[in-house]
Amino acid sequence: MLLNNRLLTAAFSILLFASYAQQDKLVTHFMFDKMSINPGKTGIDMYNGFCATSIYRNQWDKVNGAPNSAILNVEGNLTRFFPGGIGVNFYHDAIGFARQNTMLVNYSYPLQIGRVGVLGIGVGIGFMNYGMDPTWVPPTGVPDPSLPVGFSATSIDANFGLYFQAKNYYAGFSTTHLSESDLAADPTNLALSFQTARHYYIMGGYVVKDAFGTGNNIDIQTLVRTDLIKYSMDLNARYMMELGGNQAYGGLTFRTSDAIAIMAGYSPMENFNVGYAYDININKLASISRGSHELFVKYCYFLPPPPKTKARHPRWL
């Protein structure tokens, strides 16, 4: 009986922590997932290009009910046809009995700031669905009526972001879940609801050219996230190098009060990248978790330049 109560308490702790302290997803490959948390990034720095990025994260391996996340971002720069970049973001998250699905359509308007860089002003609008389908195993054969039952609800979701891209650095500020929607199957029953919390992000990065005189670069990036109750910060450094004629990287990430991660990536062909990251927990979960695994795939396609036309006067033919 005591063991069952402890297991139930642990399950609730994971669910509550994930629902309130980590409503928004958390990924180690955050440098490849800027668009979903900052719509101002959509299409910036990829003229005439279209990119699809997918990230899968198995968080806190071997912990029952721990988060499993899948992300798909598709974005394109269409300034050849009209000003701005467009993108679609899909996110699926499974935490314990809960399931969350979010889909947003992003638009970013690029504003040229002299010769310094481009400022993307972006918005994302879509919907979020949250559902829970619990399967309780009580210590007795009599079900407990106080335990929550399954429900599902859908509501509008919206993001806003500013993203500045220069030659060797970038910076951004954004906020997600502007509406702070209350997803409730029954407005009179708080046990059957999910309250979204507005999150704020500050991101930045800098490329150190020709690091240590090797001809290779070091890419340094950071991301700060908060819901004004809790906060966390990721600091990442990747060493970019040539390997077998193709680009590769190795790097480290430190996440406050959570984990240290190692990552590696390779580009087996032009415009195609794959990567893997492994998080080593440095908090209380370190004794029961085997870390977190993350896979990353990205492919880009660039439109060929428009054909050049020449006009000649008949007299000079």
C-alpha atoms as a PDB file:
ATOM      1  CA  MET A   1       0.000   0.000   0.000  1.00  0.00           C
ATOM      2  CA  LEU A   2       2.790   2.400   0.931  1.00  0.00           C
ATOM      3  CA  LEU A   3       4.674   1.502  -2.239  1.00  0.00           C
ATOM      4  CA  ASN A   4       1.601   2.184  -4.386  1.00  0.00           C
ATOM      5  CA  ASN A   5       1.143   5.575  -2.739  1.00  0.00           C
ATOM      6  CA  ARG A   6       4.775   6.481  -3.404  1.00  0.00           C
ATOM      7  CA  LEU A   7       4.493   5.437  -7.040  1.00  0.00           C
ATOM      8  CA  LEU A   8       1.302   7.446  -7.405  1.00  0.00           C
ATOM      9  CA  THR A   9       2.932  10.474  -5.777  1.00  0.00           C
ATOM     10  CA  ALA A  10       5.925  10.192  -8.118  1.00  0.00           C
ATOM     11  CA  ALA A  11       3.642   9.971 -11.150  1.00  0.00           C
ATOM     12  CA  PHE A  12       1.713  13.055 -10.060  1.00  0.00           C
ATOM     13  CA  SER A  13       4.969  14.928  -9.406  1.00  0.00           C
ATOM     14  CA  ILE A  14       6.190  14.264 -12.944  1.00  0.00           C
ATOM     15  CA  LEU A  15       2.832  15.247 -14.420  1.00  0.00           C
ATOM     16  CA  LEU A  16       2.591  18.453 -12.416  1.00  0.00           C
ATOM     17  CA  PHE A  17       6.197  19.459 -13.086  1.00  0.00           C
ATOM     18  CA  ALA A  18       5.789  18.847 -16.812  1.00  0.00           C
ATOM     19  CA  SER A  19       2.445  20.660 -16.960  1.00  0.00           C
ATOM     20  CA  TYR A  20       3.469  23.790 -15.072  1.00  0.00           C
ATOM     21  CA  ALA A  21       7.256  24.063 -15.178  1.00  0.00           C
ATOM     22  CA  GLN A  22       7.666  22.794 -18.715  1.00  0.00           C
ATOM     23  CA  GLN A  23       4.522  23.633 -20.663  1.00  0.00           C
ATOM     24  CA  ASP A  24       6.622  24.647 -23.628  1.00  0.00           C
ATOM     25  CA  LYS A  25       8.903  22.051 -25.133  1.00  0.00           C
ATOM     26  CA  LEU A  26      12.540  21.813 -24.163  1.00  0.00           C
ATOM     27  CA  VAL A  27      15.081  20.680 -26.768  1.00  0.00           C
ATOM     28  CA  THR A  28      18.867  20.611 -26.824  1.00  0.00           C
ATOM     29  CA  HIS A  29      18.892  21.379 -30.569  1.00  0.00           C
ATOM     30  CA  PHE A  30      17.246  24.739 -29.840  1.00  0.00           C
ATOM     31  CA  MET A  31      19.458  26.436 -32.431  1.00  0.00           C
ATOM     32  CA  PHE A  32      17.544  24.512 -35.127  1.00  0.00           C
ATOM     33  CA  ASP A  33      14.119  25.202 -33.602  1.00  0.00           C
ATOM     34  CA  LYS A  34      14.067  29.000 -33.473  1.00  0.00           C
ATOM     35  CA  MET A  35      10.994  29.439 -35.675  1.00  0.00           C
ATOM     36  CA  SER A  36       8.572  27.579 -33.391  1.00  0.00           C
ATOM     37  CA  ILE A  37       9.301  29.850 -30.412  1.00  0.00           C
ATOM     38  CA  ASN A  38      10.147  33.019 -32.360  1.00  0.00           C
ATOM     39  CA  PRO A  39       8.063  33.556 -35.515  1.00  0.00           C
ATOM     40  CA  GLY A  40      10.261  36.531 -36.400  1.00  0.00           C
ATOM     41  CA  LYS A  41      12.932  34.025 -37.487  1.00  0.00           C
ATOM     42  CA  THR A  42      10.663  32.501 -40.153  1.00  0.00           C
ATOM     43  CA  GLY A  43      12.464  32.519 -43.497  1.00  0.00           C
ATOM     44  CA  ILE A  44      15.196  34.920 -42.363  1.00  0.00           C
ATOM     45  CA  ASP A  45      18.667  34.305 -43.838  1.00  0.00           C
ATOM     46  CA  MET A  46      17.491  31.746 -46.412  1.00  0.00           C
ATOM     47  CA  TYR A  47      16.725  33.697 -49.599  1.00  0.00           C
ATOM     48  CA  ASN A  48      14.820  31.612 -52.164  1.00  0.00           C
ATOM     49  CA  GLY A  49      15.076  28.636 -49.804  1.00  0.00           C
ATOM     50  CA  PHE A  50      12.724  26.177 -48.154  1.00  0.00           C
ATOM     51  CA  CYS A  51      13.791  24.101 -45.132  1.00  0.00           C
ATOM     52  CA  ALA A  52      12.147  21.225 -43.270  1.00  0.00           C
ATOM     53  CA  THR A  53      13.430  20.398 -39.772  1.00  0.00           C
ATOM     54  CA  SER A  54      12.407  17.483 -37.574  1.00  0.00           C
ATOM     55  CA  ILE A  55      13.467  16.869 -33.959  1.00  0.00           C
ATOM     56  CA  TYR A  56      12.552  13.920 -31.742  1.00  0.00           C
ATOM     57  CA  ARG A  57      13.316  13.978 -28.013  1.00  0.00           C
ATOM     58  CA  ASN A  58      13.091  11.113 -25.532  1.00  0.00           C
ATOM     59  CA  GLN A  59      13.445  12.923 -22.218  1.00  0.00           C
ATOM     60  CA  TRP A  60      14.495  11.248 -18.955  1.00  0.00           C
ATOM     61  CA  ASP A  61      14.991   7.797 -20.448  1.00  0.00           C
ATOM     62  CA  LYS A  62      13.644   4.906 -18.322  1.00  0.00           C
ATOM     63  CA  VAL A  63      11.389   7.208 -16.253  1.00  0.00           C
ATOM     64  CA  ASN A  64       7.743   6.181 -16.641  1.00  0.00           C
ATOM     65  CA  GLY A  65       5.553   8.997 -17.919  1.00  0.00           C
ATOM     66  CA  ALA A  66       8.492  11.221 -18.881  1.00  0.00           C
ATOM     67  CA  PRO A  67       8.064  13.608 -21.836  1.00  0.00           C
ATOM     68  CA  ASN A  68       8.452  12.408 -25.415  1.00  0.00           C
ATOM     69  CA  SER A  69       8.366  15.190 -28.001  1.00  0.00           C
ATOM     70  CA  ALA A  70       8.276  15.438 -31.792  1.00  0.00           C
ATOM     71  CA  ILE A  71       8.700  18.661 -33.763  1.00  0.00           C
ATOM     72  CA  LEU A  72       8.296  19.445 -37.456  1.00  0.00           C
ATOM     73  CA  ASN A  73       9.113  22.905 -38.830  1.00  0.00           C
ATOM     74  CA  VAL A  74       8.725  23.868 -42.492  1.00  0.00           C
ATOM     75  CA  GLU A  75       9.670  27.409 -43.490  1.00  0.00           C
ATOM     76  CA  GLY A  76      10.443  29.328 -46.648  1.00  0.00           C
ATOM     77  CA  ASN A  77      11.698  32.709 -47.807  1.00  0.00           C
ATOM     78  CA  LEU A  78       9.472  34.091 -50.549  1.00  0.00           C
ATOM     79  CA  THR A  79      10.861  37.619 -50.984  1.00  0.00           C
ATOM     80  CA  ARG A  80      11.393  36.736 -54.649  1.00  0.00           C
ATOM     81  CA  PHE A  81       7.607  36.807 -55.005  1.00  0.00           C
ATOM     82  CA  PHE A  82       6.392  38.935 -52.066  1.00  0.00           C
ATOM     83  CA  PRO A  83       8.014  40.354 -48.917  1.00  0.00           C
ATOM     84  CA  GLY A  84       8.253  37.983 -46.009  1.00  0.00           C
ATOM     85  CA  GLY A  85       8.782  34.422 -44.926  1.00  0.00           C
ATOM     86  CA  ILE A  86       6.122  31.854 -44.113  1.00  0.00           C
ATOM     87  CA  GLY A  87       6.288  28.693 -42.071  1.00  0.00           C
ATOM     88  CA  VAL A  88       4.293  25.913 -40.442  1.00  0.00           C
ATOM     89  CA  ASN A  89       5.163  24.429 -37.062  1.00  0.00           C
ATOM     90  CA  PHE A  90       3.746  21.190 -35.654  1.00  0.00           C
ATOM     91  CA  TYR A  91       4.547  19.971 -32.162  1.00  0.00           C
ATOM     92  CA  HIS A  92       3.456  16.800 -30.363  1.00  0.00           C
ATOM     93  CA  ASP A  93       4.187  16.107 -26.707  1.00  0.00           C
ATOM     94  CA  ALA A  94       3.298  13.090 -24.581  1.00  0.00           C
ATOM     95  CA  ILE A  95       3.733  13.375 -20.803  1.00  0.00           C
ATOM     96  CA  GLY A  96       2.288  10.620 -18.659  1.00  0.00           C
ATOM     97  CA  PHE A  97      -1.427  10.361 -19.443  1.00  0.00           C
ATOM     98  CA  ALA A  98      -1.427  13.736 -21.221  1.00  0.00           C
ATOM     99  CA  ARG A  99      -1.116  14.523 -24.922  1.00  0.00           C
ATOM    100  CA  GLN A 100      -0.554  17.964 -26.419  1.00  0.00           C
ATOM    101  CA  ASN A 101      -0.646  18.901 -30.105  1.00  0.00           C
ATOM    102  CA  THR A 102       0.084  22.380 -31.415  1.00  0.00           C
ATOM    103  CA  MET A 103       0.019  23.654 -34.997  1.00  0.00           C
ATOM    104  CA  LEU A 104       0.902  27.230 -35.958  1.00  0.00           C
ATOM    105  CA  VAL A 105       1.236  29.161 -39.213  1.00  0.00           C
ATOM    106  CA  ASN A 106       3.979  31.814 -39.047  1.00  0.00           C
ATOM    107  CA  TYR A 107       4.662  34.956 -41.033  1.00  0.00           C
ATOM    108  CA  SER A 108       7.713  37.203 -40.712  1.00  0.00           C
ATOM    109  CA  TYR A 109       8.168  40.588 -42.337  1.00  0.00           C
ATOM    110  CA  PRO A 110      11.856  41.424 -42.998  1.00  0.00           C
ATOM    111  CA  LEU A 111      12.973  44.981 -42.295  1.00  0.00           C
ATOM    112  CA  GLN A 112      16.434  45.892 -43.590  1.00  0.00           C
ATOM    113  CA  ILE A 113      18.455  47.818 -40.990  1.00  0.00           C
ATOM    114  CA  GLY A 114      20.962  49.680 -43.145  1.00  0.00           C
ATOM    115  CA  ARG A 115      23.894  47.449 -44.010  1.00  0.00           C
ATOM    116  CA  VAL A 116      23.992  45.899 -40.551  1.00  0.00           C
ATOM    117  CA  GLY A 117      21.354  43.200 -40.858  1.00  0.00           C
ATOM    118  CA  VAL A 118      17.683  42.243 -41.123  1.00  0.00           C
ATOM    119  CA  LEU A 119      14.994  42.517 -38.442  1.00  0.00           C
ATOM    120  CA  GLY A 120      12.212  39.959 -38.745  1.00  0.00           C
ATOM    121  CA  ILE A 121       8.872  40.922 -37.212  1.00  0.00           C
ATOM    122  CA  GLY A 122       6.778  37.802 -36.932  1.00  0.00           C
ATOM    123  CA  VAL A 123       3.480  36.411 -35.716  1.00  0.00           C
ATOM    124  CA  GLY A 124       2.258  32.846 -35.412  1.00  0.00           C
ATOM    125  CA  ILE A 125      -1.415  31.858 -35.221  1.00  0.00           C
ATOM    126  CA  GLY A 126      -2.894  28.401 -34.869  1.00  0.00           C
ATOM    127  CA  PHE A 127      -4.424  26.068 -32.336  1.00  0.00           C
ATOM    128  CA  MET A 128      -3.496  23.881 -29.422  1.00  0.00           C
ATOM    129  CA  ASN A 129      -5.181  20.637 -28.422  1.00  0.00           C
ATOM    130  CA  TYR A 130      -4.685  19.131 -24.983  1.00  0.00           C
ATOM    131  CA  GLY A 131      -6.088  15.816 -23.845  1.00  0.00           C
ATOM    132  CA  MET A 132      -5.715  13.321 -21.040  1.00  0.00           C
ATOM    133  CA  ASP A 133      -6.732   9.656 -20.995  1.00  0.00           C
ATOM    134  CA  PRO A 134      -5.679   8.205 -17.628  1.00  0.00           C
ATOM    135  CA  THR A 135      -5.706   4.539 -16.707  1.00  0.00           C
ATOM    136  CA  TRP A 136      -5.705   4.308 -12.939  1.00  0.00           C
ATOM    137  CA  VAL A 137      -4.821   1.142 -11.024  1.00  0.00           C
ATOM    138  CA  PRO A 138      -6.173   1.690  -7.484  1.00  0.00           C
ATOM    139  CA  PRO A 139      -4.937  -0.498  -4.604  1.00  0.00           C
ATOM    140  CA  THR A 140      -8.490  -1.781  -4.142  1.00  0.00           C
ATOM    141  CA  GLY A 141     -11.149  -2.862  -6.592  1.00  0.00           C
ATOM    142  CA  VAL A 142     -13.269   0.201  -5.792  1.00  0.00           C
ATOM    143  CA  PRO A 143     -12.529   3.145  -8.161  1.00  0.00           C
ATOM    144  CA  ASP A 144     -11.773   6.473  -6.512  1.00  0.00           C
ATOM    145  CA  PRO A 145     -14.265   9.106  -7.801  1.00  0.00           C
ATOM    146  CA  SER A 146     -11.817  11.913  -6.947  1.00  0.00           C
ATOM    147  CA  LEU A 147      -9.338  10.808  -9.620  1.00  0.00           C
ATOM    148  CA  PRO A 148      -9.574  12.859 -12.843  1.00  0.00           C
ATOM    149  CA  VAL A 149     -11.027  11.230 -15.917  1.00  0.00           C
ATOM    150  CA  GLY A 150     -10.165  11.676 -19.570  1.00  0.00           C
ATOM    151  CA  PHE A 151     -10.943  14.833 -21.500  1.00  0.00           C
ATOM    152  CA  SER A 152      -9.847  16.765 -24.585  1.00  0.00           C
ATOM    153  CA  ALA A 153     -10.080  20.447 -25.488  1.00  0.00           C
ATOM    154  CA  THR A 154      -8.870  22.748 -28.274  1.00  0.00           C
ATOM    155  CA  SER A 155      -8.228  26.490 -28.305  1.00  0.00           C
ATOM    156  CA  ILE A 156      -6.583  29.260 -30.327  1.00  0.00           C
ATOM    157  CA  ASP A 157      -2.858  29.816 -29.771  1.00  0.00           C
ATOM    158  CA  ALA A 158      -0.642  32.721 -30.870  1.00  0.00           C
ATOM    159  CA  ASN A 159       3.037  33.749 -30.733  1.00  0.00           C
ATOM    160  CA  PHE A 160       4.962  36.962 -31.432  1.00  0.00           C
ATOM    161  CA  GLY A 161       8.645  37.541 -32.016  1.00  0.00           C
ATOM    162  CA  LEU A 162      11.422  39.910 -33.089  1.00  0.00           C
ATOM    163  CA  TYR A 163      14.552  38.410 -34.635  1.00  0.00           C
ATOM    164  CA  PHE A 164      17.633  40.334 -35.794  1.00  0.00           C
ATOM    165  CA  GLN A 165      20.135  38.626 -38.093  1.00  0.00           C
ATOM    166  CA  ALA A 166      23.541  40.160 -38.850  1.00  0.00           C
ATOM    167  CA  LYS A 167      26.568  38.661 -40.579  1.00  0.00           C
ATOM    168  CA  ASN A 168      28.187  36.939 -37.609  1.00  0.00           C
ATOM    169  CA  TYR A 169      25.551  37.192 -34.883  1.00  0.00           C
ATOM    170  CA  TYR A 170      21.825  37.154 -34.158  1.00  0.00           C
ATOM    171  CA  ALA A 171      19.507  38.182 -31.326  1.00  0.00           C
ATOM    172  CA  GLY A 172      15.823  37.670 -30.676  1.00  0.00           C
ATOM    173  CA  PHE A 173      12.968  38.228 -28.252  1.00  0.00           C
ATOM    174  CA  SER A 174       9.648  36.407 -28.379  1.00  0.00           C
ATOM    175  CA  THR A 175       6.622  35.338 -26.410  1.00  0.00           C
ATOM    176  CA  THR A 176       4.395  32.286 -26.834  1.00  0.00           C
ATOM    177  CA  HIS A 177       0.791  31.509 -25.807  1.00  0.00           C
ATOM    178  CA  LEU A 178      -0.286  35.146 -25.957  1.00  0.00           C
ATOM    179  CA  SER A 179      -3.923  34.241 -25.292  1.00  0.00           C
ATOM    180  CA  GLU A 180      -3.107  32.132 -22.206  1.00  0.00           C
ATOM    181  CA  SER A 181      -6.045  29.955 -23.184  1.00  0.00           C
ATOM    182  CA  ASP A 182      -7.890  27.767 -20.703  1.00  0.00           C
ATOM    183  CA  LEU A 183      -8.433  24.438 -22.447  1.00  0.00           C
ATOM    184  CA  ALA A 184     -11.401  22.947 -20.604  1.00  0.00           C
ATOM    185  CA  ALA A 185     -13.846  20.218 -21.494  1.00  0.00           C
ATOM    186  CA  ASP A 186     -16.108  21.470 -18.693  1.00  0.00           C
ATOM    187  CA  PRO A 187     -15.604  25.088 -17.514  1.00  0.00           C
ATOM    188  CA  THR A 188     -17.103  24.216 -14.115  1.00  0.00           C
ATOM    189  CA  ASN A 189     -14.626  21.399 -13.441  1.00  0.00           C
ATOM    190  CA  LEU A 190     -11.031  22.573 -12.908  1.00  0.00           C
ATOM    191  CA  ALA A 191      -9.811  18.967 -12.821  1.00  0.00           C
ATOM    192  CA  LEU A 192     -10.727  18.701 -16.502  1.00  0.00           C
ATOM    193  CA  SER A 193      -8.811  21.718 -17.751  1.00  0.00           C
ATOM    194  CA  PHE A 194      -5.345  22.840 -18.789  1.00  0.00           C
ATOM    195  CA  GLN A 195      -4.239  26.449 -18.383  1.00  0.00           C
ATOM    196  CA  THR A 196      -1.559  27.584 -20.821  1.00  0.00           C
ATOM    197  CA  ALA A 197       1.029  30.007 -19.476  1.00  0.00           C
ATOM    198  CA  ARG A 198       2.646  32.799 -21.457  1.00  0.00           C
ATOM    199  CA  HIS A 199       6.356  32.153 -21.959  1.00  0.00           C
ATOM    200  CA  TYR A 200       9.118  34.612 -22.832  1.00  0.00           C
ATOM    201  CA  TYR A 201      12.330  33.864 -24.723  1.00  0.00           C
ATOM    202  CA  ILE A 202      15.592  35.708 -25.267  1.00  0.00           C
ATOM    203  CA  MET A 203      18.014  34.159 -27.755  1.00  0.00           C
ATOM    204  CA  GLY A 204      21.372  35.119 -29.178  1.00  0.00           C
ATOM    205  CA  GLY A 205      24.371  33.724 -30.976  1.00  0.00           C
ATOM    206  CA  TYR A 206      27.801  34.630 -32.317  1.00  0.00           C
ATOM    207  CA  VAL A 207      30.158  32.928 -34.776  1.00  0.00           C
ATOM    208  CA  VAL A 208      33.873  33.060 -33.972  1.00  0.00           C
ATOM    209  CA  LYS A 209      35.576  32.937 -37.362  1.00  0.00           C
ATOM    210  CA  ASP A 210      38.834  31.036 -37.868  1.00  0.00           C
ATOM    211  CA  ALA A 211      38.960  29.888 -34.251  1.00  0.00           C
ATOM    212  CA  PHE A 212      42.493  29.147 -32.979  1.00  0.00           C
ATOM    213  CA  GLY A 213      43.808  29.810 -36.490  1.00  0.00           C
ATOM    214  CA  THR A 214      42.498  26.450 -37.734  1.00  0.00           C
ATOM    215  CA  GLY A 215      40.230  27.849 -40.432  1.00  0.00           C
ATOM    216  CA  ASN A 216      37.204  26.400 -38.593  1.00  0.00           C
ATOM    217  CA  ASN A 217      34.502  28.306 -36.723  1.00  0.00           C
ATOM    218  CA  ILE A 218      33.018  28.125 -33.241  1.00  0.00           C
ATOM    219  CA  ASP A 219      29.276  28.740 -33.048  1.00  0.00           C
ATOM    220  CA  ILE A 220      28.169  30.040 -29.619  1.00  0.00           C
ATOM    221  CA  GLN A 221      24.450  30.286 -28.828  1.00  0.00           C
ATOM    222  CA  THR A 222      22.216  30.837 -25.826  1.00  0.00           C
ATOM    223  CA  LEU A 223      18.513  30.649 -25.040  1.00  0.00           C
ATOM    224  CA  VAL A 224      16.735  31.945 -21.931  1.00  0.00           C
ATOM    225  CA  ARG A 225      13.150  30.856 -21.275  1.00  0.00           C
ATOM    226  CA  THR A 226      10.753  31.854 -18.494  1.00  0.00           C
ATOM    227  CA  ASP A 227       7.064  31.939 -17.579  1.00  0.00           C
ATOM    228  CA  LEU A 228       7.869  34.622 -14.930  1.00  0.00           C
ATOM    229  CA  ILE A 229       7.681  31.918 -12.265  1.00  0.00           C
ATOM    230  CA  LYS A 230      10.560  29.674 -13.231  1.00  0.00           C
ATOM    231  CA  TYR A 231      13.357  30.157 -15.733  1.00  0.00           C
ATOM    232  CA  SER A 232      16.086  28.156 -17.398  1.00  0.00           C
ATOM    233  CA  MET A 233      19.004  28.990 -19.672  1.00  0.00           C
ATOM    234  CA  ASP A 234      20.837  26.942 -22.291  1.00  0.00           C
ATOM    235  CA  LEU A 235      24.396  27.818 -23.295  1.00  0.00           C
ATOM    236  CA  ASN A 236      25.798  25.946 -26.287  1.00  0.00           C
ATOM    237  CA  ALA A 237      29.107  25.956 -28.154  1.00  0.00           C
ATOM    238  CA  ARG A 238      29.742  23.942 -31.330  1.00  0.00           C
ATOM    239  CA  TYR A 239      33.011  23.480 -33.149  1.00  0.00           C
ATOM    240  CA  MET A 240      32.321  23.514 -36.905  1.00  0.00           C
ATOM    241  CA  MET A 241      34.800  21.601 -39.059  1.00  0.00           C
ATOM    242  CA  GLU A 242      35.351  19.863 -42.373  1.00  0.00           C
ATOM    243  CA  LEU A 243      35.184  16.069 -42.267  1.00  0.00           C
ATOM    244  CA  GLY A 244      35.663  14.052 -45.428  1.00  0.00           C
ATOM    245  CA  GLY A 245      34.888  17.074 -47.557  1.00  0.00           C
ATOM    246  CA  ASN A 246      31.595  17.688 -45.718  1.00  0.00           C
ATOM    247  CA  GLN A 247      30.717  19.846 -42.737  1.00  0.00           C
ATOM    248  CA  ALA A 248      30.521  18.330 -39.251  1.00  0.00           C
ATOM    249  CA  TYR A 249      30.291  19.650 -35.710  1.00  0.00           C
ATOM    250  CA  GLY A 250      30.724  18.626 -32.104  1.00  0.00           C
ATOM    251  CA  GLY A 251      29.495  20.599 -29.145  1.00  0.00           C
ATOM    252  CA  LEU A 252      28.458  20.940 -25.525  1.00  0.00           C
ATOM    253  CA  THR A 253      25.343  22.424 -23.913  1.00  0.00           C
ATOM    254  CA  PHE A 254      24.807  23.449 -20.311  1.00  0.00           C
ATOM    255  CA  ARG A 255      21.223  23.843 -19.067  1.00  0.00           C
ATOM    256  CA  THR A 256      20.793  25.423 -15.652  1.00  0.00           C
ATOM    257  CA  SER A 257      19.627  23.059 -12.893  1.00  0.00           C
ATOM    258  CA  ASP A 258      18.959  20.290 -15.397  1.00  0.00           C
ATOM    259  CA  ALA A 259      21.632  18.780 -17.611  1.00  0.00           C
ATOM    260  CA  ILE A 260      24.903  18.855 -19.486  1.00  0.00           C
ATOM    261  CA  ALA A 261      24.583  17.657 -23.071  1.00  0.00           C
ATOM    262  CA  ILE A 262      26.995  16.463 -25.720  1.00  0.00           C
ATOM    263  CA  MET A 263      26.066  16.728 -29.384  1.00  0.00           C
ATOM    264  CA  ALA A 264      27.427  15.862 -32.782  1.00  0.00           C
ATOM    265  CA  GLY A 265      26.219  16.442 -36.323  1.00  0.00           C
ATOM    266  CA  TYR A 266      27.183  15.743 -39.893  1.00  0.00           C
ATOM    267  CA  SER A 267      26.155  16.900 -43.360  1.00  0.00           C
ATOM    268  CA  PRO A 268      26.473  13.859 -45.660  1.00  0.00           C
ATOM    269  CA  MET A 269      25.352  15.936 -48.647  1.00  0.00           C
ATOM    270  CA  GLU A 270      24.703  19.546 -49.517  1.00  0.00           C
ATOM    271  CA  ASN A 271      21.760  21.114 -47.666  1.00  0.00           C
ATOM    272  CA  PHE A 272      21.146  17.954 -45.620  1.00  0.00           C
ATOM    273  CA  ASN A 273      22.058  17.707 -41.918  1.00  0.00           C
ATOM    274  CA  VAL A 274      21.646  15.079 -39.210  1.00  0.00           C
ATOM    275  CA  GLY A 275      22.525  15.314 -35.532  1.00  0.00           C
ATOM    276  CA  TYR A 276      22.287  13.621 -32.142  1.00  0.00           C
ATOM    277  CA  ALA A 277      22.411  14.938 -28.582  1.00  0.00           C
ATOM    278  CA  TYR A 278      22.611  13.157 -25.242  1.00  0.00           C
ATOM    279  CA  ASP A 279      21.681  14.962 -22.019  1.00  0.00           C
ATOM    280  CA  ILE A 280      23.279  13.911 -18.726  1.00  0.00           C
ATOM    281  CA  ASN A 281      21.073  14.899 -15.793  1.00  0.00           C
ATOM    282  CA  ILE A 282      22.652  16.901 -12.999  1.00  0.00           C
ATOM    283  CA  ASN A 283      19.516  17.224 -10.844  1.00  0.00           C
ATOM    284  CA  LYS A 284      17.672  14.752  -8.585  1.00  0.00           C
ATOM    285  CA  LEU A 285      16.553  12.709 -11.612  1.00  0.00           C
ATOM    286  CA  ALA A 286      20.160  11.645 -12.193  1.00  0.00           C
ATOM    287  CA  SER A 287      19.711   8.655  -9.875  1.00  0.00           C
ATOM    288  CA  ILE A 288      16.793   7.167 -11.843  1.00  0.00           C
ATOM    289  CA  SER A 289      17.100   8.564 -15.372  1.00  0.00           C
ATOM    290  CA  ARG A 290      19.478   7.357 -18.051  1.00  0.00           C
ATOM    291  CA  GLY A 291      19.577  10.808 -19.593  1.00  0.00           C
ATOM    292  CA  SER A 292      17.735  12.208 -22.591  1.00  0.00           C
ATOM    293  CA  HIS A 293      18.183  11.331 -26.257  1.00  0.00           C
ATOM    294  CA  GLU A 294      17.527  13.697 -29.147  1.00  0.00           C
ATOM    295  CA  LEU A 295      17.632  13.192 -32.917  1.00  0.00           C
ATOM    296  CA  PHE A 296      17.687  15.996 -35.481  1.00  0.00           C
ATOM    297  CA  VAL A 297      17.225  16.027 -39.279  1.00  0.00           C
ATOM    298  CA  LYS A 298      17.134  19.042 -41.594  1.00  0.00           C
ATOM    299  CA  TYR A 299      16.855  19.389 -45.366  1.00  0.00           C
ATOM    300  CA  CYS A 300      16.807  22.593 -47.425  1.00  0.00           C
ATOM    301  CA  TYR A 301      15.947  23.250 -51.063  1.00  0.00           C
ATOM    302  CA  PHE A 302      16.838  26.480 -52.831  1.00  0.00           C
ATOM    303  CA  LEU A 303      15.088  27.718 -55.947  1.00  0.00           C
ATOM    304  CA  PRO A 304      17.355  28.287 -58.961  1.00  0.00           C
ATOM    305  CA  PRO A 305      17.988  31.955 -59.715  1.00  0.00           C
ATOM    306  CA  PRO A 306      15.686  33.513 -62.322  1.00  0.00           C
ATOM    307  CA  PRO A 307      17.108  33.498 -65.867  1.00  0.00           C
ATOM    308  CA  LYS A 308      18.839  36.662 -66.932  1.00  0.00           C
ATOM    309  CA  THR A 309      17.331  38.395 -69.947  1.00  0.00           C
ATOM    310  CA  LYS A 310      19.230  40.672 -72.273  1.00  0.00           C
ATOM    311  CA  ALA A 311      17.802  43.210 -74.692  1.00  0.00           C
ATOM    312  CA  ARG A 312      19.668  44.476 -77.759  1.00  0.00           C
ATOM    313  CA  HIS A 313      18.817  47.136 -80.220  1.00  0.00           C
ATOM    314  CA  PRO A 314      18.295  45.732 -83.778  1.00  0.00           C
ATOM    315  CA  ARG A 315      20.865  48.185 -85.153  1.00  0.00           C
ATOM    316  CA  TRP A 316      23.601  46.627 -82.970  1.00  0.00           C
ATOM    317  CA  LEU A 317      22.791  42.951 -83.602  1.00  0.00           C
END
